[in-house]
Amino acid sequence: MEETGKKNTAKSTDAAKKPSFVKRAKDFCKGVKAEFKKIIWPNKEELKKQTTAVIVVSVVLGAFIRIYDMLCQFVISFIR
């Protein structure tokens, strides 16, 4: 009978150590808010430069993939 009592207190002690879902959610939100404060947002000029760079790289990469695809199609059709 005493062993059963010890097991129950051990379980209740473990449950007391673990924070509740609400507490963990609040801590998570506080952490997210703190991380957002660390963000350095770009100004308009930097944003334009970065956007232009992304568009240029995307177009060049797309053209490269298209040329490679056409070359592969040509080789496959030549083999057949």
Protein backbone atom coordinates (compact mmCIF):
# COMPACT_ATOMS: atom_id res chain seq x y z
CA MET A 1 0.00 0.00 0.00
CA GLU A 2 2.86 2.36 0.77
CA GLU A 3 4.42 1.77 -2.65
CA THR A 4 1.23 2.90 -4.35
CA GLY A 5 1.33 6.15 -2.39
CA LYS A 6 4.93 6.76 -3.45
CA LYS A 7 4.08 6.23 -7.10
CA ASN A 8 1.22 8.71 -6.95
CA THR A 9 3.39 11.40 -5.34
CA ALA A 10 6.08 10.83 -7.96
CA LYS A 11 3.56 11.33 -10.73
CA SER A 12 2.15 14.47 -9.13
CA THR A 13 5.69 15.85 -8.68
CA ASP A 14 6.44 15.28 -12.38
CA ALA A 15 3.19 17.00 -13.35
CA ALA A 16 4.04 19.97 -11.11
CA LYS A 17 7.44 20.42 -12.82
CA LYS A 18 5.98 20.61 -16.33
CA PRO A 19 4.53 24.04 -17.15
CA SER A 20 1.01 24.21 -18.51
CA PHE A 21 0.18 24.66 -22.17
CA VAL A 22 -0.93 28.26 -21.59
CA LYS A 23 2.37 29.09 -19.83
CA ARG A 24 4.40 27.55 -22.66
CA ALA A 25 2.31 29.39 -25.27
CA LYS A 26 2.83 32.73 -23.50
CA ASP A 27 6.58 32.08 -23.26
CA PHE A 28 6.68 31.22 -26.96
CA CYS A 29 4.86 34.43 -27.89
CA LYS A 30 7.22 36.49 -25.74
CA GLY A 31 10.17 34.86 -27.49
CA VAL A 32 8.73 35.59 -30.93
CA LYS A 33 8.12 39.22 -29.96
CA ALA A 34 11.71 39.55 -28.70
CA GLU A 35 13.08 38.10 -31.95
CA PHE A 36 10.95 40.47 -34.07
CA LYS A 37 12.48 43.41 -32.19
CA LYS A 38 15.94 42.25 -33.34
CA ILE A 39 15.04 42.42 -37.03
CA ILE A 40 16.68 45.19 -39.04
CA TRP A 41 14.25 46.09 -41.81
CA PRO A 42 15.73 47.40 -45.10
CA ASN A 43 14.99 50.90 -46.32
CA LYS A 44 13.39 51.54 -49.73
CA GLU A 45 16.68 51.76 -51.64
CA GLU A 46 18.03 48.50 -50.20
CA LEU A 47 14.68 46.82 -50.84
CA LYS A 48 14.73 47.89 -54.52
CA LYS A 49 18.31 46.62 -54.97
CA GLN A 50 17.55 43.28 -53.34
CA THR A 51 14.30 42.84 -55.28
CA THR A 52 16.08 43.62 -58.55
CA ALA A 53 18.83 41.13 -57.71
CA VAL A 54 16.28 38.38 -56.97
CA ILE A 55 14.40 39.03 -60.21
CA VAL A 56 17.60 39.10 -62.32
CA VAL A 57 18.95 35.90 -60.77
CA SER A 58 15.56 34.19 -61.23
CA VAL A 59 15.37 35.17 -64.91
CA VAL A 60 18.97 34.10 -65.60
CA LEU A 61 18.50 30.79 -63.81
CA GLY A 62 15.20 30.20 -65.62
CA ALA A 63 16.88 30.89 -68.98
CA PHE A 64 19.73 28.53 -68.09
CA ILE A 65 17.30 25.75 -67.15
CA ARG A 66 15.29 26.32 -70.35
CA ILE A 67 18.43 26.15 -72.54
CA TYR A 68 19.60 23.01 -70.73
CA ASP A 69 16.16 21.44 -71.18
CA MET A 70 16.13 22.25 -74.91
CA LEU A 71 19.62 20.78 -75.26
CA CYS A 72 18.55 17.58 -73.48
CA GLN A 73 15.46 17.30 -75.72
CA PHE A 74 17.62 17.74 -78.81
CA VAL A 75 20.08 15.05 -77.68
CA ILE A 76 17.27 12.61 -76.82
CA SER A 77 15.50 13.19 -80.14
CA PHE A 78 18.84 12.77 -81.97
CA ILE A 79 19.45 9.40 -80.23
CA ARG A 80 16.02 8.05 -81.19
